[in-house]
Amino acid sequence: MIRLFALVIDRFVLTLPLLMVAMLALGSYWMVRSAPSADTGELPRPPDDTPDYLLEGFTIQKFDANGRLSALLQGSSAQRLPDAPWIEIEKFSFISTDAQGLVKRVSASHGLSNENNSEFQLSGHALMVREAHPAGDFPRLEIRSDYLHVWTEPEKVESDKPVQLVHGKDRIRADTLQYEGTGRTLQMDGRVQAVLVNAESKP
């Protein structure tokens, strides 16, 4: 009986390391299954301040289906950052001509343009000009400020800086401006000073 008991003990001692290894393996497997899954996606990269491209002394032309020049963009330099929706342009100048021959001009010391040249943010001697309608439907419109936010289609101009508007022979100064070309609506707030030569002219 004693010999049988000793044999059992010996076998248990021999198998003890295997049992311990199995328990450790099961414990490790349980810990891996229970732990929250790690995000395998890429870490968000910090904003890149290296320009995609840099242009010096450039001119970009756009032509319509009939081969006529419809838009001209110029600047002393231009750059675009990878994470920015704007193209930064120094000594900004933009001219467009529509199918009816209506000419619009936009210029400033510094400009931001979206990629299809339909929206501009202008600062430093900002100027927006809509030349007189070829058929005489409305006179020349000129808007000056240190800052202008301009949309070309539909035509709209906004500024939260002091602004000067010249419409034909009329002249208006104000602290802010909101102009919408489609409905010919104009709102100027703050200190408003006006010299109206022709009260029947439309904005």
N, C-alpha and C. Protein backbone atom coordinates (compact mmCIF):
# COMPACT_ATOMS: atom_id res chain seq x y z
N MET A 1 0.82 -1.20 0.00
CA MET A 1 0.00 0.00 0.00
C MET A 1 0.86 1.25 0.00
N ILE A 2 1.90 1.20 0.83
CA ILE A 2 2.80 2.36 0.91
C ILE A 2 3.50 2.56 -0.42
N ARG A 3 3.89 1.43 -1.07
CA ARG A 3 4.57 1.54 -2.36
C ARG A 3 3.65 2.13 -3.41
N LEU A 4 2.36 1.79 -3.38
CA LEU A 4 1.40 2.33 -4.34
C LEU A 4 1.21 3.83 -4.14
N PHE A 5 1.13 4.22 -2.87
CA PHE A 5 0.97 5.63 -2.57
C PHE A 5 2.19 6.42 -3.03
N ALA A 6 3.40 5.87 -2.82
CA ALA A 6 4.63 6.54 -3.25
C ALA A 6 4.69 6.65 -4.75
N LEU A 7 4.20 5.62 -5.47
CA LEU A 7 4.19 5.67 -6.94
C LEU A 7 3.27 6.76 -7.46
N VAL A 8 2.11 6.90 -6.80
CA VAL A 8 1.17 7.97 -7.21
C VAL A 8 1.80 9.33 -7.01
N ILE A 9 2.47 9.53 -5.86
CA ILE A 9 3.11 10.81 -5.57
C ILE A 9 4.18 11.10 -6.61
N ASP A 10 4.96 10.09 -6.95
CA ASP A 10 6.03 10.30 -7.94
C ASP A 10 5.45 10.73 -9.28
N ARG A 11 4.38 10.07 -9.69
CA ARG A 11 3.79 10.43 -10.98
C ARG A 11 3.22 11.86 -10.95
N PHE A 12 2.64 12.25 -9.79
CA PHE A 12 2.09 13.59 -9.68
C PHE A 12 3.19 14.64 -9.77
N VAL A 13 4.31 14.36 -9.09
CA VAL A 13 5.44 15.29 -9.14
C VAL A 13 5.98 15.42 -10.56
N LEU A 14 6.01 14.31 -11.31
CA LEU A 14 6.52 14.37 -12.67
C LEU A 14 5.61 15.17 -13.60
N THR A 15 4.28 15.05 -13.36
CA THR A 15 3.34 15.77 -14.25
C THR A 15 3.06 17.18 -13.80
N LEU A 16 3.51 17.59 -12.63
CA LEU A 16 3.24 18.93 -12.12
C LEU A 16 3.74 20.04 -13.05
N PRO A 17 4.97 19.97 -13.59
CA PRO A 17 5.42 21.05 -14.51
C PRO A 17 4.52 21.19 -15.73
N LEU A 18 4.05 20.04 -16.28
CA LEU A 18 3.17 20.12 -17.44
C LEU A 18 1.86 20.80 -17.09
N LEU A 19 1.33 20.47 -15.90
CA LEU A 19 0.09 21.11 -15.46
C LEU A 19 0.26 22.61 -15.29
N MET A 20 1.40 23.04 -14.75
CA MET A 20 1.65 24.46 -14.53
C MET A 20 1.77 25.20 -15.87
N VAL A 21 2.47 24.56 -16.83
CA VAL A 21 2.59 25.19 -18.16
C VAL A 21 1.24 25.32 -18.81
N ALA A 22 0.38 24.28 -18.69
CA ALA A 22 -0.96 24.34 -19.28
C ALA A 22 -1.79 25.44 -18.64
N MET A 23 -1.69 25.57 -17.31
CA MET A 23 -2.45 26.62 -16.62
C MET A 23 -1.98 28.00 -17.05
N LEU A 24 -0.67 28.18 -17.20
CA LEU A 24 -0.15 29.47 -17.64
C LEU A 24 -0.62 29.79 -19.04
N ALA A 25 -0.66 28.79 -19.94
CA ALA A 25 -1.11 29.01 -21.31
C ALA A 25 -2.58 29.41 -21.35
N LEU A 26 -3.40 28.69 -20.54
CA LEU A 26 -4.81 29.04 -20.48
C LEU A 26 -5.02 30.44 -19.93
N GLY A 27 -4.24 30.80 -18.92
CA GLY A 27 -4.36 32.14 -18.34
C GLY A 27 -3.98 33.22 -19.34
N SER A 28 -2.92 33.00 -20.09
CA SER A 28 -2.51 33.98 -21.09
C SER A 28 -3.57 34.13 -22.18
N TYR A 29 -4.14 32.98 -22.62
CA TYR A 29 -5.18 33.01 -23.64
C TYR A 29 -6.40 33.80 -23.15
N TRP A 30 -6.78 33.58 -21.88
CA TRP A 30 -7.93 34.29 -21.32
C TRP A 30 -7.68 35.79 -21.24
N MET A 31 -6.47 36.17 -20.87
CA MET A 31 -6.14 37.60 -20.76
C MET A 31 -6.18 38.28 -22.13
N VAL A 32 -5.68 37.59 -23.17
CA VAL A 32 -5.70 38.16 -24.52
C VAL A 32 -7.13 38.33 -25.01
N ARG A 33 -7.99 37.33 -24.77
CA ARG A 33 -9.38 37.40 -25.22
C ARG A 33 -10.16 38.45 -24.45
N SER A 34 -9.81 38.67 -23.19
CA SER A 34 -10.56 39.61 -22.35
C SER A 34 -10.12 41.05 -22.55
N ALA A 35 -8.90 41.26 -23.00
CA ALA A 35 -8.39 42.63 -23.15
C ALA A 35 -9.11 43.33 -24.30
N PRO A 36 -9.37 44.67 -24.18
CA PRO A 36 -10.01 45.41 -25.28
C PRO A 36 -9.10 45.42 -26.51
N SER A 37 -9.73 45.32 -27.67
CA SER A 37 -8.95 45.28 -28.91
C SER A 37 -8.27 46.61 -29.17
N ALA A 38 -7.05 46.54 -29.57
CA ALA A 38 -6.30 47.76 -29.86
C ALA A 38 -6.67 48.29 -31.23
N ASP A 39 -6.66 49.62 -31.38
CA ASP A 39 -6.96 50.25 -32.68
C ASP A 39 -5.76 50.06 -33.59
N THR A 40 -6.00 49.34 -34.66
CA THR A 40 -4.90 49.07 -35.60
C THR A 40 -4.79 50.12 -36.68
N GLY A 41 -5.70 51.13 -36.63
CA GLY A 41 -5.63 52.17 -37.64
C GLY A 41 -4.42 53.06 -37.44
N GLU A 42 -4.12 53.85 -38.48
CA GLU A 42 -2.97 54.75 -38.40
C GLU A 42 -3.27 55.89 -37.45
N LEU A 43 -2.26 56.35 -36.75
CA LEU A 43 -2.40 57.52 -35.90
C LEU A 43 -2.62 58.75 -36.77
N PRO A 44 -3.48 59.69 -36.31
CA PRO A 44 -3.69 60.90 -37.12
C PRO A 44 -2.39 61.67 -37.27
N ARG A 45 -2.09 62.02 -38.50
CA ARG A 45 -0.84 62.75 -38.73
C ARG A 45 -1.03 64.23 -38.41
N PRO A 46 -0.03 64.86 -37.88
CA PRO A 46 -0.15 66.29 -37.56
C PRO A 46 -0.27 67.11 -38.83
N PRO A 47 -0.86 68.31 -38.72
CA PRO A 47 -0.99 69.17 -39.91
C PRO A 47 0.37 69.41 -40.56
N ASP A 48 0.38 69.33 -41.87
CA ASP A 48 1.61 69.49 -42.63
C ASP A 48 1.73 70.94 -43.08
N ASP A 49 2.82 71.61 -42.68
CA ASP A 49 3.01 73.00 -43.08
C ASP A 49 3.97 73.13 -44.26
N THR A 50 4.19 72.03 -44.96
CA THR A 50 5.01 72.06 -46.17
C THR A 50 4.10 72.20 -47.39
N PRO A 51 4.24 73.25 -48.19
CA PRO A 51 3.33 73.46 -49.32
C PRO A 51 3.38 72.32 -50.33
N ASP A 52 2.20 72.03 -50.91
CA ASP A 52 2.14 71.07 -52.02
C ASP A 52 2.95 71.58 -53.20
N TYR A 53 2.83 72.87 -53.44
CA TYR A 53 3.56 73.49 -54.54
C TYR A 53 3.76 74.97 -54.24
N LEU A 54 4.68 75.57 -54.95
CA LEU A 54 4.98 77.00 -54.82
C LEU A 54 5.22 77.56 -56.21
N LEU A 55 4.47 78.60 -56.56
CA LEU A 55 4.60 79.26 -57.86
C LEU A 55 5.13 80.66 -57.66
N GLU A 56 5.92 81.12 -58.59
CA GLU A 56 6.46 82.47 -58.57
C GLU A 56 6.12 83.17 -59.88
N GLY A 57 5.58 84.39 -59.77
CA GLY A 57 5.28 85.18 -60.96
C GLY A 57 4.44 84.43 -61.98
N PHE A 58 3.26 83.97 -61.58
CA PHE A 58 2.48 83.06 -62.42
C PHE A 58 1.28 83.77 -63.05
N THR A 59 0.78 83.18 -64.13
CA THR A 59 -0.45 83.59 -64.81
C THR A 59 -1.20 82.33 -65.23
N ILE A 60 -2.47 82.23 -64.84
CA ILE A 60 -3.32 81.10 -65.20
C ILE A 60 -4.49 81.61 -66.03
N GLN A 61 -4.70 81.03 -67.20
CA GLN A 61 -5.77 81.46 -68.09
C GLN A 61 -6.81 80.35 -68.25
N LYS A 62 -8.07 80.76 -68.41
CA LYS A 62 -9.17 79.83 -68.65
C LYS A 62 -9.95 80.30 -69.86
N PHE A 63 -10.27 79.37 -70.76
CA PHE A 63 -10.97 79.72 -71.99
C PHE A 63 -12.32 79.00 -72.03
N ASP A 64 -13.32 79.64 -72.68
CA ASP A 64 -14.63 79.01 -72.80
C ASP A 64 -14.67 78.07 -73.99
N ALA A 65 -15.83 77.50 -74.28
CA ALA A 65 -15.94 76.52 -75.36
C ALA A 65 -15.66 77.11 -76.73
N ASN A 66 -15.80 78.44 -76.85
CA ASN A 66 -15.54 79.11 -78.13
C ASN A 66 -14.11 79.62 -78.25
N GLY A 67 -13.28 79.29 -77.27
CA GLY A 67 -11.88 79.71 -77.33
C GLY A 67 -11.63 81.11 -76.83
N ARG A 68 -12.64 81.76 -76.24
CA ARG A 68 -12.46 83.11 -75.72
C ARG A 68 -11.95 83.06 -74.28
N LEU A 69 -11.10 83.99 -73.93
CA LEU A 69 -10.56 84.05 -72.57
C LEU A 69 -11.69 84.42 -71.61
N SER A 70 -11.97 83.54 -70.64
CA SER A 70 -13.05 83.79 -69.70
C SER A 70 -12.56 84.14 -68.30
N ALA A 71 -11.32 83.79 -67.97
CA ALA A 71 -10.80 84.10 -66.65
C ALA A 71 -9.27 84.18 -66.71
N LEU A 72 -8.73 85.07 -65.88
CA LEU A 72 -7.28 85.26 -65.81
C LEU A 72 -6.90 85.48 -64.36
N LEU A 73 -6.04 84.62 -63.83
CA LEU A 73 -5.58 84.70 -62.45
C LEU A 73 -4.07 84.95 -62.46
N GLN A 74 -3.64 85.97 -61.70
CA GLN A 74 -2.22 86.31 -61.65
C GLN A 74 -1.80 86.58 -60.22
N GLY A 75 -0.50 86.42 -59.97
CA GLY A 75 0.05 86.73 -58.66
C GLY A 75 1.56 86.70 -58.69
N SER A 76 2.15 87.33 -57.68
CA SER A 76 3.62 87.29 -57.59
C SER A 76 4.10 85.96 -57.03
N SER A 77 3.26 85.30 -56.22
CA SER A 77 3.58 83.97 -55.72
C SER A 77 2.30 83.29 -55.24
N ALA A 78 2.34 81.97 -55.20
CA ALA A 78 1.18 81.19 -54.74
C ALA A 78 1.67 79.90 -54.11
N GLN A 79 0.96 79.46 -53.08
CA GLN A 79 1.26 78.19 -52.45
C GLN A 79 -0.01 77.59 -51.87
N ARG A 80 0.01 76.28 -51.70
CA ARG A 80 -1.12 75.57 -51.11
C ARG A 80 -0.60 74.56 -50.11
N LEU A 81 -1.16 74.59 -48.89
CA LEU A 81 -0.81 73.61 -47.88
C LEU A 81 -1.69 72.37 -48.04
N PRO A 82 -1.16 71.17 -47.76
CA PRO A 82 -1.91 69.94 -48.00
C PRO A 82 -3.25 69.89 -47.27
N ASP A 83 -3.33 70.42 -46.05
CA ASP A 83 -4.55 70.32 -45.26
C ASP A 83 -5.43 71.56 -45.36
N ALA A 84 -5.13 72.48 -46.25
CA ALA A 84 -5.89 73.73 -46.38
C ALA A 84 -6.74 73.70 -47.64
N PRO A 85 -7.97 74.27 -47.58
CA PRO A 85 -8.83 74.30 -48.77
C PRO A 85 -8.55 75.49 -49.67
N TRP A 86 -7.54 76.30 -49.31
CA TRP A 86 -7.30 77.54 -50.03
C TRP A 86 -5.93 77.53 -50.71
N ILE A 87 -5.82 78.33 -51.76
CA ILE A 87 -4.54 78.65 -52.38
C ILE A 87 -4.18 80.06 -51.95
N GLU A 88 -3.03 80.25 -51.35
CA GLU A 88 -2.59 81.55 -50.87
C GLU A 88 -1.83 82.25 -51.99
N ILE A 89 -2.23 83.49 -52.31
CA ILE A 89 -1.65 84.22 -53.43
C ILE A 89 -1.25 85.62 -52.98
N GLU A 90 -0.04 86.00 -53.27
CA GLU A 90 0.43 87.35 -53.00
C GLU A 90 0.26 88.21 -54.26
N LYS A 91 -0.08 89.50 -54.05
CA LYS A 91 -0.38 90.43 -55.16
C LYS A 91 -1.41 89.80 -56.09
N PHE A 92 -2.53 89.52 -55.49
CA PHE A 92 -3.61 88.77 -56.12
C PHE A 92 -4.33 89.62 -57.16
N SER A 93 -4.61 89.03 -58.32
CA SER A 93 -5.37 89.70 -59.38
C SER A 93 -6.17 88.66 -60.15
N PHE A 94 -7.48 88.91 -60.27
CA PHE A 94 -8.37 87.98 -60.98
C PHE A 94 -9.33 88.78 -61.85
N ILE A 95 -9.48 88.37 -63.11
CA ILE A 95 -10.40 89.01 -64.06
C ILE A 95 -11.22 87.91 -64.73
N SER A 96 -12.54 88.12 -64.80
CA SER A 96 -13.41 87.16 -65.48
C SER A 96 -14.36 87.89 -66.41
N THR A 97 -14.73 87.22 -67.49
CA THR A 97 -15.69 87.75 -68.47
C THR A 97 -16.72 86.67 -68.76
N ASP A 98 -18.02 86.99 -68.56
CA ASP A 98 -19.05 85.99 -68.80
C ASP A 98 -19.51 86.00 -70.25
N ALA A 99 -20.49 85.16 -70.57
CA ALA A 99 -20.95 85.02 -71.96
C ALA A 99 -21.58 86.31 -72.49
N GLN A 100 -22.09 87.17 -71.60
CA GLN A 100 -22.69 88.43 -72.03
C GLN A 100 -21.67 89.56 -72.13
N GLY A 101 -20.41 89.24 -71.87
CA GLY A 101 -19.36 90.25 -71.96
C GLY A 101 -19.17 91.07 -70.71
N LEU A 102 -19.82 90.69 -69.60
CA LEU A 102 -19.69 91.41 -68.34
C LEU A 102 -18.35 91.09 -67.69
N VAL A 103 -17.59 92.12 -67.36
CA VAL A 103 -16.24 91.96 -66.82
C VAL A 103 -16.25 92.23 -65.32
N LYS A 104 -15.61 91.33 -64.56
CA LYS A 104 -15.44 91.50 -63.12
C LYS A 104 -13.96 91.41 -62.80
N ARG A 105 -13.52 92.29 -61.88
CA ARG A 105 -12.11 92.33 -61.47
C ARG A 105 -12.03 92.25 -59.96
N VAL A 106 -11.05 91.49 -59.49
CA VAL A 106 -10.80 91.35 -58.05
C VAL A 106 -9.29 91.43 -57.84
N SER A 107 -8.87 92.22 -56.84
CA SER A 107 -7.43 92.34 -56.58
C SER A 107 -7.20 92.67 -55.11
N ALA A 108 -5.99 92.37 -54.62
CA ALA A 108 -5.61 92.65 -53.24
C ALA A 108 -4.13 92.37 -53.07
N SER A 109 -3.58 92.85 -51.96
CA SER A 109 -2.19 92.55 -51.64
C SER A 109 -2.02 91.06 -51.34
N HIS A 110 -3.02 90.49 -50.67
CA HIS A 110 -2.97 89.07 -50.31
C HIS A 110 -4.34 88.47 -50.56
N GLY A 111 -4.39 87.29 -51.14
CA GLY A 111 -5.67 86.65 -51.44
C GLY A 111 -5.66 85.17 -51.16
N LEU A 112 -6.82 84.66 -50.78
CA LEU A 112 -7.06 83.23 -50.66
C LEU A 112 -8.11 82.85 -51.69
N SER A 113 -7.85 81.81 -52.47
CA SER A 113 -8.79 81.39 -53.50
C SER A 113 -9.07 79.91 -53.35
N ASN A 114 -10.35 79.51 -53.52
CA ASN A 114 -10.62 78.08 -53.58
C ASN A 114 -10.18 77.55 -54.95
N GLU A 115 -10.24 76.25 -55.13
CA GLU A 115 -9.59 75.64 -56.29
C GLU A 115 -10.28 75.97 -57.61
N ASN A 116 -11.59 76.27 -57.59
CA ASN A 116 -12.26 76.60 -58.85
C ASN A 116 -12.45 78.09 -59.05
N ASN A 117 -11.78 78.89 -58.22
CA ASN A 117 -11.80 80.36 -58.36
C ASN A 117 -13.21 80.94 -58.31
N SER A 118 -14.06 80.40 -57.43
CA SER A 118 -15.40 80.93 -57.27
C SER A 118 -15.58 81.65 -55.94
N GLU A 119 -14.57 81.59 -55.07
CA GLU A 119 -14.64 82.23 -53.77
C GLU A 119 -13.26 82.77 -53.41
N PHE A 120 -13.22 84.03 -52.93
CA PHE A 120 -11.96 84.68 -52.59
C PHE A 120 -12.08 85.37 -51.23
N GLN A 121 -10.99 85.35 -50.47
CA GLN A 121 -10.86 86.17 -49.28
C GLN A 121 -9.67 87.10 -49.51
N LEU A 122 -9.93 88.39 -49.54
CA LEU A 122 -8.93 89.37 -49.93
C LEU A 122 -8.60 90.28 -48.76
N SER A 123 -7.33 90.58 -48.59
CA SER A 123 -6.90 91.48 -47.52
C SER A 123 -5.79 92.39 -48.03
N GLY A 124 -5.80 93.63 -47.55
CA GLY A 124 -4.81 94.60 -47.97
C GLY A 124 -5.17 95.24 -49.30
N HIS A 125 -5.76 96.46 -49.26
CA HIS A 125 -6.16 97.16 -50.49
C HIS A 125 -7.06 96.28 -51.36
N ALA A 126 -8.03 95.64 -50.72
CA ALA A 126 -8.93 94.74 -51.45
C ALA A 126 -9.88 95.55 -52.34
N LEU A 127 -10.07 95.07 -53.55
CA LEU A 127 -10.90 95.78 -54.54
C LEU A 127 -11.70 94.77 -55.34
N MET A 128 -13.00 95.05 -55.49
CA MET A 128 -13.87 94.26 -56.35
C MET A 128 -14.57 95.23 -57.29
N VAL A 129 -14.49 94.98 -58.59
CA VAL A 129 -15.09 95.85 -59.60
C VAL A 129 -15.96 95.01 -60.52
N ARG A 130 -17.18 95.46 -60.72
CA ARG A 130 -18.03 94.91 -61.77
C ARG A 130 -18.24 96.02 -62.79
N GLU A 131 -17.70 95.84 -63.97
CA GLU A 131 -17.78 96.89 -64.98
C GLU A 131 -19.23 97.10 -65.41
N ALA A 132 -19.50 98.26 -65.99
CA ALA A 132 -20.85 98.58 -66.45
C ALA A 132 -21.34 97.52 -67.43
N HIS A 133 -22.63 97.21 -67.36
CA HIS A 133 -23.21 96.20 -68.24
C HIS A 133 -23.12 96.66 -69.69
N PRO A 134 -22.69 95.79 -70.60
CA PRO A 134 -22.55 96.20 -72.01
C PRO A 134 -23.84 96.76 -72.60
N ALA A 135 -24.99 96.26 -72.15
CA ALA A 135 -26.27 96.73 -72.68
C ALA A 135 -26.81 97.93 -71.90
N GLY A 136 -26.06 98.40 -70.91
CA GLY A 136 -26.50 99.55 -70.14
C GLY A 136 -27.50 99.24 -69.05
N ASP A 137 -27.63 97.97 -68.66
CA ASP A 137 -28.61 97.59 -67.63
C ASP A 137 -28.25 98.12 -66.25
N PHE A 138 -26.96 98.26 -65.96
CA PHE A 138 -26.54 98.83 -64.69
C PHE A 138 -25.14 99.43 -64.84
N PRO A 139 -24.81 100.44 -64.00
CA PRO A 139 -23.52 101.11 -64.12
C PRO A 139 -22.38 100.33 -63.45
N ARG A 140 -21.21 100.90 -63.50
CA ARG A 140 -20.03 100.29 -62.89
C ARG A 140 -20.18 100.27 -61.37
N LEU A 141 -19.78 99.16 -60.76
CA LEU A 141 -19.81 98.99 -59.31
C LEU A 141 -18.39 98.73 -58.81
N GLU A 142 -18.00 99.46 -57.78
CA GLU A 142 -16.66 99.31 -57.20
C GLU A 142 -16.77 99.25 -55.68
N ILE A 143 -16.13 98.25 -55.07
CA ILE A 143 -16.14 98.08 -53.62
C ILE A 143 -14.70 97.97 -53.14
N ARG A 144 -14.34 98.84 -52.18
CA ARG A 144 -12.98 98.85 -51.62
C ARG A 144 -13.03 98.66 -50.11
N SER A 145 -12.04 97.92 -49.58
CA SER A 145 -11.92 97.73 -48.14
C SER A 145 -10.57 97.10 -47.84
N ASP A 146 -10.25 97.01 -46.55
CA ASP A 146 -9.03 96.29 -46.18
C ASP A 146 -9.27 94.79 -46.21
N TYR A 147 -10.56 94.39 -46.20
CA TYR A 147 -10.91 92.97 -46.28
C TYR A 147 -12.21 92.81 -47.04
N LEU A 148 -12.23 91.89 -48.00
CA LEU A 148 -13.44 91.55 -48.74
C LEU A 148 -13.53 90.03 -48.89
N HIS A 149 -14.74 89.52 -48.70
CA HIS A 149 -15.03 88.11 -48.97
C HIS A 149 -15.94 88.10 -50.18
N VAL A 150 -15.46 87.52 -51.29
CA VAL A 150 -16.13 87.63 -52.58
C VAL A 150 -16.49 86.25 -53.10
N TRP A 151 -17.73 86.12 -53.57
CA TRP A 151 -18.18 84.93 -54.31
C TRP A 151 -18.55 85.39 -55.72
N THR A 152 -18.17 84.62 -56.72
CA THR A 152 -18.45 85.03 -58.10
C THR A 152 -19.74 84.44 -58.64
N GLU A 153 -20.12 83.24 -58.24
CA GLU A 153 -21.33 82.58 -58.73
C GLU A 153 -22.06 81.90 -57.57
N PRO A 154 -23.17 82.47 -57.09
CA PRO A 154 -23.73 83.77 -57.47
C PRO A 154 -22.90 84.92 -56.90
N GLU A 155 -23.02 86.08 -57.50
CA GLU A 155 -22.22 87.23 -57.10
C GLU A 155 -22.63 87.71 -55.71
N LYS A 156 -21.64 87.76 -54.80
CA LYS A 156 -21.89 88.21 -53.43
C LYS A 156 -20.60 88.75 -52.85
N VAL A 157 -20.73 89.83 -52.05
CA VAL A 157 -19.56 90.44 -51.41
C VAL A 157 -19.93 90.77 -49.97
N GLU A 158 -19.04 90.44 -49.04
CA GLU A 158 -19.23 90.76 -47.63
C GLU A 158 -17.94 91.34 -47.05
N SER A 159 -18.09 92.21 -46.04
CA SER A 159 -16.94 92.74 -45.34
C SER A 159 -17.36 93.20 -43.95
N ASP A 160 -16.54 92.88 -42.94
CA ASP A 160 -16.78 93.38 -41.60
C ASP A 160 -15.80 94.50 -41.25
N LYS A 161 -15.16 95.06 -42.28
CA LYS A 161 -14.24 96.18 -42.13
C LYS A 161 -14.83 97.42 -42.81
N PRO A 162 -14.36 98.62 -42.43
CA PRO A 162 -14.82 99.83 -43.12
C PRO A 162 -14.69 99.69 -44.63
N VAL A 163 -15.71 100.11 -45.34
CA VAL A 163 -15.80 99.84 -46.77
C VAL A 163 -16.29 101.08 -47.51
N GLN A 164 -15.85 101.21 -48.77
CA GLN A 164 -16.31 102.28 -49.65
C GLN A 164 -16.90 101.66 -50.90
N LEU A 165 -18.10 102.11 -51.25
CA LEU A 165 -18.79 101.60 -52.43
C LEU A 165 -19.03 102.76 -53.40
N VAL A 166 -18.69 102.54 -54.66
CA VAL A 166 -18.97 103.51 -55.73
C VAL A 166 -19.85 102.81 -56.75
N HIS A 167 -21.04 103.37 -56.97
CA HIS A 167 -22.00 102.78 -57.90
C HIS A 167 -22.42 103.87 -58.88
N GLY A 168 -21.86 103.82 -60.09
CA GLY A 168 -22.07 104.94 -61.01
C GLY A 168 -21.44 106.19 -60.42
N LYS A 169 -22.28 107.23 -60.15
CA LYS A 169 -21.80 108.46 -59.53
C LYS A 169 -22.07 108.50 -58.03
N ASP A 170 -22.75 107.50 -57.51
CA ASP A 170 -23.05 107.44 -56.08
C ASP A 170 -21.86 106.90 -55.30
N ARG A 171 -21.67 107.46 -54.08
CA ARG A 171 -20.58 107.03 -53.20
C ARG A 171 -21.11 106.83 -51.80
N ILE A 172 -20.78 105.65 -51.22
CA ILE A 172 -21.25 105.32 -49.88
C ILE A 172 -20.10 104.75 -49.07
N ARG A 173 -19.98 105.21 -47.81
CA ARG A 173 -19.01 104.65 -46.87
C ARG A 173 -19.76 104.07 -45.67
N ALA A 174 -19.25 102.96 -45.14
CA ALA A 174 -19.90 102.33 -43.99
C ALA A 174 -18.89 101.45 -43.27
N ASP A 175 -19.32 100.94 -42.10
CA ASP A 175 -18.43 100.09 -41.30
C ASP A 175 -18.47 98.64 -41.76
N THR A 176 -19.60 98.18 -42.30
CA THR A 176 -19.72 96.81 -42.80
C THR A 176 -20.55 96.82 -44.08
N LEU A 177 -20.46 95.71 -44.82
CA LEU A 177 -21.19 95.62 -46.08
C LEU A 177 -21.63 94.19 -46.34
N GLN A 178 -22.83 94.06 -46.89
CA GLN A 178 -23.33 92.80 -47.44
C GLN A 178 -24.02 93.12 -48.76
N TYR A 179 -23.47 92.59 -49.85
CA TYR A 179 -24.03 92.85 -51.18
C TYR A 179 -24.32 91.53 -51.86
N GLU A 180 -25.53 91.44 -52.44
CA GLU A 180 -25.94 90.22 -53.14
C GLU A 180 -26.37 90.62 -54.54
N GLY A 181 -25.61 90.15 -55.53
CA GLY A 181 -25.78 90.64 -56.89
C GLY A 181 -27.01 90.12 -57.59
N THR A 182 -27.43 88.88 -57.29
CA THR A 182 -28.57 88.32 -58.01
C THR A 182 -29.85 89.11 -57.73
N GLY A 183 -30.09 89.42 -56.46
CA GLY A 183 -31.27 90.21 -56.11
C GLY A 183 -31.03 91.69 -56.05
N ARG A 184 -29.78 92.14 -56.36
CA ARG A 184 -29.43 93.55 -56.31
C ARG A 184 -29.76 94.15 -54.94
N THR A 185 -29.38 93.44 -53.87
CA THR A 185 -29.64 93.93 -52.52
C THR A 185 -28.33 94.36 -51.86
N LEU A 186 -28.41 95.44 -51.09
CA LEU A 186 -27.23 96.01 -50.45
C LEU A 186 -27.57 96.39 -49.02
N GLN A 187 -26.74 95.96 -48.07
CA GLN A 187 -26.91 96.33 -46.68
C GLN A 187 -25.57 96.85 -46.16
N MET A 188 -25.57 98.10 -45.64
CA MET A 188 -24.36 98.71 -45.08
C MET A 188 -24.72 99.24 -43.70
N ASP A 189 -23.94 98.84 -42.69
CA ASP A 189 -24.25 99.18 -41.31
C ASP A 189 -23.13 100.00 -40.69
N GLY A 190 -23.41 100.47 -39.45
CA GLY A 190 -22.43 101.29 -38.74
C GLY A 190 -22.56 102.75 -39.13
N ARG A 191 -21.45 103.42 -39.18
CA ARG A 191 -21.43 104.84 -39.58
C ARG A 191 -21.51 104.91 -41.10
N VAL A 192 -22.65 105.28 -41.60
CA VAL A 192 -22.90 105.31 -43.05
C VAL A 192 -22.92 106.75 -43.53
N GLN A 193 -22.12 107.04 -44.54
CA GLN A 193 -22.09 108.35 -45.19
C GLN A 193 -22.31 108.12 -46.68
N ALA A 194 -23.23 108.87 -47.27
CA ALA A 194 -23.59 108.63 -48.67
C ALA A 194 -23.70 109.94 -49.44
N VAL A 195 -23.26 109.91 -50.68
CA VAL A 195 -23.46 110.98 -51.64
C VAL A 195 -24.16 110.35 -52.84
N LEU A 196 -25.46 110.61 -52.97
CA LEU A 196 -26.28 109.99 -54.01
C LEU A 196 -26.57 111.03 -55.09
N VAL A 197 -25.99 110.79 -56.25
CA VAL A 197 -26.20 111.72 -57.38
C VAL A 197 -27.45 111.33 -58.16
N ASN A 198 -27.68 110.04 -58.31
CA ASN A 198 -28.83 109.55 -59.06
C ASN A 198 -29.58 108.58 -58.16
N ALA A 199 -30.66 109.03 -57.52
CA ALA A 199 -31.38 108.23 -56.55
C ALA A 199 -32.08 107.05 -57.18
N GLU A 200 -32.27 107.05 -58.52
CA GLU A 200 -32.97 105.96 -59.16
C GLU A 200 -32.06 104.81 -59.60
N SER A 201 -30.76 104.97 -59.42
CA SER A 201 -29.84 103.91 -59.82
C SER A 201 -30.01 102.72 -58.92
N LYS A 202 -29.80 101.52 -59.47
CA LYS A 202 -29.93 100.28 -58.72
C LYS A 202 -28.58 99.84 -58.20
N PRO A 203 -28.52 99.22 -57.00
CA PRO A 203 -27.23 98.76 -56.47
C PRO A 203 -26.70 97.57 -57.24
